Amino acid sequence: MKDMDGVRNSDIFVLLTNEDGIGMYVELGMAIMSKIHKGKPRRVYVIGNKLGRSMFFFHPSVRRRKTIEDVFLDLGL
């Protein structure tokens, strides 16, 4: 429950892709739905080398980036 609350209450959600992850799709789906219904998180990112692994990575609410530095640039940090 704390994990779900963390996703729903985050300002920025960043998913790190990998070859073995399965549970990460639950958090990503929660982040997308929360953004749609509550406007939070403000931004949802997927980063890494596996950016084509899931159809959810191509949802209009998701920004795909290669590195965390690219996320920081996108956020103006």
PDB file of N, CA and C in Angstrom:
ATOM      1  N   MET A   1       0.831  -1.200   0.000  1.00  0.00           N
ATOM      2  CA  MET A   1       0.000   0.000   0.000  1.00  0.00           C
ATOM      3  C   MET A   1       0.872   1.260   0.000  1.00  0.00           C
ATOM      4  N   LYS A   2       1.997   1.200   0.750  1.00  0.00           N
ATOM      5  CA  LYS A   2       2.880   2.367   0.783  1.00  0.00           C
ATOM      6  C   LYS A   2       3.475   2.634  -0.599  1.00  0.00           C
ATOM      7  N   ASP A   3       3.791   1.563  -1.312  1.00  0.00           N
ATOM      8  CA  ASP A   3       4.317   1.711  -2.669  1.00  0.00           C
ATOM      9  C   ASP A   3       3.290   2.392  -3.563  1.00  0.00           C
ATOM     10  N   MET A   4       2.048   1.957  -3.486  1.00  0.00           N
ATOM     11  CA  MET A   4       0.979   2.559  -4.293  1.00  0.00           C
ATOM     12  C   MET A   4       0.755   4.009  -3.912  1.00  0.00           C
ATOM     13  N   ASP A   5       0.750   4.303  -2.615  1.00  0.00           N
ATOM     14  CA  ASP A   5       0.590   5.686  -2.164  1.00  0.00           C
ATOM     15  C   ASP A   5       1.735   6.552  -2.666  1.00  0.00           C
ATOM     16  N   GLY A   6       2.946   5.989  -2.670  1.00  0.00           N
ATOM     17  CA  GLY A   6       4.107   6.728  -3.157  1.00  0.00           C
ATOM     18  C   GLY A   6       3.965   7.111  -4.616  1.00  0.00           C
ATOM     19  N   VAL A   7       3.466   6.193  -5.419  1.00  0.00           N
ATOM     20  CA  VAL A   7       3.251   6.482  -6.849  1.00  0.00           C
ATOM     21  C   VAL A   7       2.186   7.553  -7.006  1.00  0.00           C
ATOM     22  N   ARG A   8       1.069   7.388  -6.338  1.00  0.00           N
ATOM     23  CA  ARG A   8      -0.054   8.332  -6.489  1.00  0.00           C
ATOM     24  C   ARG A   8       0.283   9.727  -5.975  1.00  0.00           C
ATOM     25  N   ASN A   9       1.167   9.822  -5.008  1.00  0.00           N
ATOM     26  CA  ASN A   9       1.483  11.121  -4.403  1.00  0.00           C
ATOM     27  C   ASN A   9       2.774  11.738  -4.935  1.00  0.00           C
ATOM     28  N   SER A  10       3.404  11.093  -5.903  1.00  0.00           N
ATOM     29  CA  SER A  10       4.669  11.629  -6.408  1.00  0.00           C
ATOM     30  C   SER A  10       4.415  12.804  -7.352  1.00  0.00           C
ATOM     31  N   ASP A  11       5.385  13.690  -7.415  1.00  0.00           N
ATOM     32  CA  ASP A  11       5.324  14.801  -8.367  1.00  0.00           C
ATOM     33  C   ASP A  11       5.863  14.360  -9.732  1.00  0.00           C
ATOM     34  N   ILE A  12       6.943  13.590  -9.691  1.00  0.00           N
ATOM     35  CA  ILE A  12       7.583  13.062 -10.893  1.00  0.00           C
ATOM     36  C   ILE A  12       7.755  11.565 -10.680  1.00  0.00           C
ATOM     37  N   PHE A  13       7.314  10.762 -11.644  1.00  0.00           N
ATOM     38  CA  PHE A  13       7.482   9.314 -11.566  1.00  0.00           C
ATOM     39  C   PHE A  13       8.491   8.909 -12.630  1.00  0.00           C
ATOM     40  N   VAL A  14       9.530   8.165 -12.213  1.00  0.00           N
ATOM     41  CA  VAL A  14      10.555   7.704 -13.141  1.00  0.00           C
ATOM     42  C   VAL A  14      10.668   6.191 -13.021  1.00  0.00           C
ATOM     43  N   LEU A  15      10.466   5.501 -14.121  1.00  0.00           N
ATOM     44  CA  LEU A  15      10.621   4.055 -14.171  1.00  0.00           C
ATOM     45  C   LEU A  15      11.932   3.738 -14.863  1.00  0.00           C
ATOM     46  N   LEU A  16      12.769   2.937 -14.210  1.00  0.00           N
ATOM     47  CA  LEU A  16      14.026   2.496 -14.799  1.00  0.00           C
ATOM     48  C   LEU A  16      13.783   1.152 -15.476  1.00  0.00           C
ATOM     49  N   THR A  17      13.954   1.087 -16.786  1.00  0.00           N
ATOM     50  CA  THR A  17      13.693  -0.153 -17.498  1.00  0.00           C
ATOM     51  C   THR A  17      14.810  -1.158 -17.261  1.00  0.00           C
ATOM     52  N   ASN A  18      14.461  -2.432 -17.354  1.00  0.00           N
ATOM     53  CA  ASN A  18      15.454  -3.497 -17.333  1.00  0.00           C
ATOM     54  C   ASN A  18      14.887  -4.705 -18.045  1.00  0.00           C
ATOM     55  N   GLU A  19      15.688  -5.728 -18.194  1.00  0.00           N
ATOM     56  CA  GLU A  19      15.260  -6.901 -18.947  1.00  0.00           C
ATOM     57  C   GLU A  19      14.345  -7.822 -18.151  1.00  0.00           C
ATOM     58  N   ASP A  20      14.425  -7.781 -16.831  1.00  0.00           N
ATOM     59  CA  ASP A  20      13.717  -8.754 -16.012  1.00  0.00           C
ATOM     60  C   ASP A  20      12.482  -8.225 -15.311  1.00  0.00           C
ATOM     61  N   GLY A  21      12.273  -6.919 -15.320  1.00  0.00           N
ATOM     62  CA  GLY A  21      11.205  -6.337 -14.520  1.00  0.00           C
ATOM     63  C   GLY A  21       9.821  -6.773 -14.951  1.00  0.00           C
ATOM     64  N   ILE A  22       9.001  -7.114 -13.967  1.00  0.00           N
ATOM     65  CA  ILE A  22       7.609  -7.439 -14.258  1.00  0.00           C
ATOM     66  C   ILE A  22       6.705  -6.542 -13.411  1.00  0.00           C
ATOM     67  N   GLY A  23       6.983  -6.438 -12.125  1.00  0.00           N
ATOM     68  CA  GLY A  23       6.148  -5.645 -11.242  1.00  0.00           C
ATOM     69  C   GLY A  23       6.154  -4.169 -11.567  1.00  0.00           C
ATOM     70  N   MET A  24       7.187  -3.722 -12.271  1.00  0.00           N
ATOM     71  CA  MET A  24       7.296  -2.297 -12.578  1.00  0.00           C
ATOM     72  C   MET A  24       6.122  -1.814 -13.425  1.00  0.00           C
ATOM     73  N   TYR A  25       5.487  -2.710 -14.157  1.00  0.00           N
ATOM     74  CA  TYR A  25       4.365  -2.313 -14.998  1.00  0.00           C
ATOM     75  C   TYR A  25       3.145  -1.934 -14.161  1.00  0.00           C
ATOM     76  N   VAL A  26       3.032  -2.503 -12.989  1.00  0.00           N
ATOM     77  CA  VAL A  26       1.931  -2.145 -12.091  1.00  0.00           C
ATOM     78  C   VAL A  26       2.087  -0.694 -11.666  1.00  0.00           C
ATOM     79  N   GLU A  27       3.288  -0.326 -11.218  1.00  0.00           N
ATOM     80  CA  GLU A  27       3.535   1.055 -10.794  1.00  0.00           C
ATOM     81  C   GLU A  27       3.377   2.029 -11.956  1.00  0.00           C
ATOM     82  N   LEU A  28       3.854   1.642 -13.125  1.00  0.00           N
ATOM     83  CA  LEU A  28       3.719   2.519 -14.286  1.00  0.00           C
ATOM     84  C   LEU A  28       2.247   2.733 -14.618  1.00  0.00           C
ATOM     85  N   GLY A  29       1.459   1.672 -14.617  1.00  0.00           N
ATOM     86  CA  GLY A  29       0.031   1.798 -14.875  1.00  0.00           C
ATOM     87  C   GLY A  29      -0.656   2.682 -13.860  1.00  0.00           C
ATOM     88  N   MET A  30      -0.249   2.540 -12.596  1.00  0.00           N
ATOM     89  CA  MET A  30      -0.816   3.405 -11.548  1.00  0.00           C
ATOM     90  C   MET A  30      -0.443   4.858 -11.780  1.00  0.00           C
ATOM     91  N   ALA A  31       0.804   5.104 -12.171  1.00  0.00           N
ATOM     92  CA  ALA A  31       1.247   6.479 -12.415  1.00  0.00           C
ATOM     93  C   ALA A  31       0.461   7.098 -13.571  1.00  0.00           C
ATOM     94  N   ILE A  32       0.247   6.328 -14.638  1.00  0.00           N
ATOM     95  CA  ILE A  32      -0.509   6.837 -15.788  1.00  0.00           C
ATOM     96  C   ILE A  32      -1.947   7.154 -15.380  1.00  0.00           C
ATOM     97  N   MET A  33      -2.601   6.234 -14.704  1.00  0.00           N
ATOM     98  CA  MET A  33      -3.995   6.455 -14.304  1.00  0.00           C
ATOM     99  C   MET A  33      -4.125   7.610 -13.309  1.00  0.00           C
ATOM    100  N   SER A  34      -3.184   7.700 -12.385  1.00  0.00           N
ATOM    101  CA  SER A  34      -3.229   8.782 -11.414  1.00  0.00           C
ATOM    102  C   SER A  34      -3.047  10.134 -12.113  1.00  0.00           C
ATOM    103  N   LYS A  35      -2.133  10.175 -13.090  1.00  0.00           N
ATOM    104  CA  LYS A  35      -1.928  11.418 -13.844  1.00  0.00           C
ATOM    105  C   LYS A  35      -3.213  11.802 -14.584  1.00  0.00           C
ATOM    106  N   ILE A  36      -3.862  10.833 -15.186  1.00  0.00           N
ATOM    107  CA  ILE A  36      -5.091  11.103 -15.942  1.00  0.00           C
ATOM    108  C   ILE A  36      -6.208  11.589 -15.016  1.00  0.00           C
ATOM    109  N   HIS A  37      -6.375  10.946 -13.875  1.00  0.00           N
ATOM    110  CA  HIS A  37      -7.517  11.246 -13.009  1.00  0.00           C
ATOM    111  C   HIS A  37      -7.253  12.324 -11.963  1.00  0.00           C
ATOM    112  N   LYS A  38      -6.001  12.445 -11.499  1.00  0.00           N
ATOM    113  CA  LYS A  38      -5.695  13.418 -10.443  1.00  0.00           C
ATOM    114  C   LYS A  38      -4.730  14.510 -10.887  1.00  0.00           C
ATOM    115  N   GLY A  39      -4.110  14.342 -12.061  1.00  0.00           N
ATOM    116  CA  GLY A  39      -3.110  15.307 -12.510  1.00  0.00           C
ATOM    117  C   GLY A  39      -1.781  15.160 -11.796  1.00  0.00           C
ATOM    118  N   LYS A  40      -1.617  14.054 -11.091  1.00  0.00           N
ATOM    119  CA  LYS A  40      -0.394  13.826 -10.336  1.00  0.00           C
ATOM    120  C   LYS A  40      -0.042  12.363 -10.431  1.00  0.00           C
ATOM    121  N   PRO A  41       1.169  12.009 -10.755  1.00  0.00           N
ATOM    122  CA  PRO A  41       2.351  12.852 -10.923  1.00  0.00           C
ATOM    123  C   PRO A  41       2.229  13.772 -12.144  1.00  0.00           C
ATOM    124  N   ARG A  42       2.913  14.908 -12.039  1.00  0.00           N
ATOM    125  CA  ARG A  42       2.868  15.873 -13.140  1.00  0.00           C
ATOM    126  C   ARG A  42       3.485  15.282 -14.407  1.00  0.00           C
ATOM    127  N   ARG A  43       4.563  14.519 -14.229  1.00  0.00           N
ATOM    128  CA  ARG A  43       5.234  13.906 -15.373  1.00  0.00           C
ATOM    129  C   ARG A  43       5.564  12.449 -15.057  1.00  0.00           C
ATOM    130  N   VAL A  44       5.484  11.629 -16.091  1.00  0.00           N
ATOM    131  CA  VAL A  44       5.798  10.207 -15.981  1.00  0.00           C
ATOM    132  C   VAL A  44       6.888   9.904 -17.009  1.00  0.00           C
ATOM    133  N   TYR A  45       8.010   9.390 -16.523  1.00  0.00           N
ATOM    134  CA  TYR A  45       9.146   9.069 -17.392  1.00  0.00           C
ATOM    135  C   TYR A  45       9.461   7.585 -17.340  1.00  0.00           C
ATOM    136  N   VAL A  46       9.940   7.091 -18.480  1.00  0.00           N
ATOM    137  CA  VAL A  46      10.534   5.766 -18.562  1.00  0.00           C
ATOM    138  C   VAL A  46      11.920   5.988 -19.129  1.00  0.00           C
ATOM    139  N   ILE A  47      12.940   5.493 -18.423  1.00  0.00           N
ATOM    140  CA  ILE A  47      14.302   5.701 -18.901  1.00  0.00           C
ATOM    141  C   ILE A  47      15.043   4.371 -19.006  1.00  0.00           C
ATOM    142  N   GLY A  48      16.023   4.347 -19.902  1.00  0.00           N
ATOM    143  CA  GLY A  48      16.865   3.171 -20.057  1.00  0.00           C
ATOM    144  C   GLY A  48      17.005   2.752 -21.504  1.00  0.00           C
ATOM    145  N   ASN A  49      17.527   1.556 -21.691  1.00  0.00           N
ATOM    146  CA  ASN A  49      17.789   1.032 -23.030  1.00  0.00           C
ATOM    147  C   ASN A  49      16.667   0.149 -23.559  1.00  0.00           C
ATOM    148  N   LYS A  50      15.654  -0.099 -22.778  1.00  0.00           N
ATOM    149  CA  LYS A  50      14.555  -0.988 -23.175  1.00  0.00           C
ATOM    150  C   LYS A  50      13.270  -0.182 -23.384  1.00  0.00           C
ATOM    151  N   LEU A  51      13.354   0.894 -24.129  1.00  0.00           N
ATOM    152  CA  LEU A  51      12.227   1.824 -24.261  1.00  0.00           C
ATOM    153  C   LEU A  51      11.106   1.315 -25.157  1.00  0.00           C
ATOM    154  N   GLY A  52      11.286   0.192 -25.812  1.00  0.00           N
ATOM    155  CA  GLY A  52      10.238  -0.364 -26.650  1.00  0.00           C
ATOM    156  C   GLY A  52       9.638  -1.630 -26.077  1.00  0.00           C
ATOM    157  N   ARG A  53       9.944  -1.930 -24.831  1.00  0.00           N
ATOM    158  CA  ARG A  53       9.582  -3.202 -24.208  1.00  0.00           C
ATOM    159  C   ARG A  53       8.092  -3.363 -23.945  1.00  0.00           C
ATOM    160  N   SER A  54       7.386  -2.314 -23.686  1.00  0.00           N
ATOM    161  CA  SER A  54       5.975  -2.408 -23.311  1.00  0.00           C
ATOM    162  C   SER A  54       5.150  -1.371 -24.058  1.00  0.00           C
ATOM    163  N   MET A  55       3.913  -1.732 -24.381  1.00  0.00           N
ATOM    164  CA  MET A  55       3.027  -0.768 -25.043  1.00  0.00           C
ATOM    165  C   MET A  55       2.741   0.428 -24.144  1.00  0.00           C
ATOM    166  N   PHE A  56       2.811   0.236 -22.817  1.00  0.00           N
ATOM    167  CA  PHE A  56       2.557   1.338 -21.890  1.00  0.00           C
ATOM    168  C   PHE A  56       3.615   2.431 -22.004  1.00  0.00           C
ATOM    169  N   PHE A  57       4.806   2.078 -22.476  1.00  0.00           N
ATOM    170  CA  PHE A  57       5.862   3.076 -22.646  1.00  0.00           C
ATOM    171  C   PHE A  57       5.487   4.102 -23.715  1.00  0.00           C
ATOM    172  N   PHE A  58       4.508   3.766 -24.571  1.00  0.00           N
ATOM    173  CA  PHE A  58       4.110   4.641 -25.662  1.00  0.00           C
ATOM    174  C   PHE A  58       2.812   5.395 -25.364  1.00  0.00           C
ATOM    175  N   HIS A  59       2.324   5.282 -24.146  1.00  0.00           N
ATOM    176  CA  HIS A  59       1.119   6.023 -23.758  1.00  0.00           C
ATOM    177  C   HIS A  59       1.429   7.519 -23.844  1.00  0.00           C
ATOM    178  N   PRO A  60       0.472   8.337 -24.256  1.00  0.00           N
ATOM    179  CA  PRO A  60       0.715   9.782 -24.392  1.00  0.00           C
ATOM    180  C   PRO A  60       1.170  10.468 -23.100  1.00  0.00           C
ATOM    181  N   SER A  61       0.884   9.886 -21.952  1.00  0.00           N
ATOM    182  CA  SER A  61       1.310  10.487 -20.679  1.00  0.00           C
ATOM    183  C   SER A  61       2.763  10.199 -20.343  1.00  0.00           C
ATOM    184  N   VAL A  62       3.388   9.290 -21.075  1.00  0.00           N
ATOM    185  CA  VAL A  62       4.745   8.829 -20.751  1.00  0.00           C
ATOM    186  C   VAL A  62       5.769   9.491 -21.660  1.00  0.00           C
ATOM    187  N   ARG A  63       6.840   9.970 -21.025  1.00  0.00           N
ATOM    188  CA  ARG A  63       7.973  10.531 -21.768  1.00  0.00           C
ATOM    189  C   ARG A  63       9.112   9.523 -21.688  1.00  0.00           C
ATOM    190  N   ARG A  64       9.611   9.104 -22.833  1.00  0.00           N
ATOM    191  CA  ARG A  64      10.700   8.140 -22.884  1.00  0.00           C
ATOM    192  C   ARG A  64      12.029   8.872 -23.049  1.00  0.00           C
ATOM    193  N   ARG A  65      12.977   8.539 -22.198  1.00  0.00           N
ATOM    194  CA  ARG A  65      14.301   9.154 -22.247  1.00  0.00           C
ATOM    195  C   ARG A  65      15.355   8.069 -22.051  1.00  0.00           C
ATOM    196  N   LYS A  66      16.551   8.306 -22.546  1.00  0.00           N
ATOM    197  CA  LYS A  66      17.635   7.329 -22.429  1.00  0.00           C
ATOM    198  C   LYS A  66      18.295   7.351 -21.045  1.00  0.00           C
ATOM    199  N   THR A  67      18.474   8.537 -20.463  1.00  0.00           N
ATOM    200  CA  THR A  67      19.216   8.651 -19.201  1.00  0.00           C
ATOM    201  C   THR A  67      18.493   9.567 -18.217  1.00  0.00           C
ATOM    202  N   ILE A  68      18.892   9.463 -16.963  1.00  0.00           N
ATOM    203  CA  ILE A  68      18.322  10.351 -15.940  1.00  0.00           C
ATOM    204  C   ILE A  68      18.748  11.793 -16.215  1.00  0.00           C
ATOM    205  N   GLU A  69      19.904  11.982 -16.820  1.00  0.00           N
ATOM    206  CA  GLU A  69      20.350  13.331 -17.178  1.00  0.00           C
ATOM    207  C   GLU A  69      19.387  13.953 -18.197  1.00  0.00           C
ATOM    208  N   ASP A  70      18.865  13.127 -19.107  1.00  0.00           N
ATOM    209  CA  ASP A  70      17.874  13.617 -20.082  1.00  0.00           C
ATOM    210  C   ASP A  70      16.585  14.054 -19.366  1.00  0.00           C
ATOM    211  N   VAL A  71      16.226  13.343 -18.314  1.00  0.00           N
ATOM    212  CA  VAL A  71      15.044  13.731 -17.520  1.00  0.00           C
ATOM    213  C   VAL A  71      15.309  15.073 -16.851  1.00  0.00           C
ATOM    214  N   PHE A  72      16.480  15.225 -16.254  1.00  0.00           N
ATOM    215  CA  PHE A  72      16.819  16.485 -15.595  1.00  0.00           C
ATOM    216  C   PHE A  72      16.782  17.646 -16.589  1.00  0.00           C
ATOM    217  N   LEU A  73      17.312  17.435 -17.790  1.00  0.00           N
ATOM    218  CA  LEU A  73      17.266  18.482 -18.828  1.00  0.00           C
ATOM    219  C   LEU A  73      15.820  18.818 -19.183  1.00  0.00           C
ATOM    220  N   ASP A  74      14.992  17.796 -19.326  1.00  0.00           N
ATOM    221  CA  ASP A  74      13.588  17.999 -19.661  1.00  0.00           C
ATOM    222  C   ASP A  74      12.871  18.800 -18.579  1.00  0.00           C
ATOM    223  N   LEU A  75      13.277  18.592 -17.333  1.00  0.00           N
ATOM    224  CA  LEU A  75      12.663  19.294 -16.205  1.00  0.00           C
ATOM    225  C   LEU A  75      13.277  20.676 -15.973  1.00  0.00           C
ATOM    226  N   GLY A  76      14.306  21.006 -16.742  1.00  0.00           N
ATOM    227  CA  GLY A  76      14.972  22.298 -16.590  1.00  0.00           C
ATOM    228  C   GLY A  76      15.869  22.366 -15.380  1.00  0.00           C
ATOM    229  N   LEU A  77      16.398  21.233 -14.955  1.00  0.00           N
ATOM    230  CA  LEU A  77      17.275  21.195 -13.781  1.00  0.00           C
ATOM    231  C   LEU A  77      18.728  21.116 -14.168  1.00  0.00           C
TER     232      LEU A  77
END
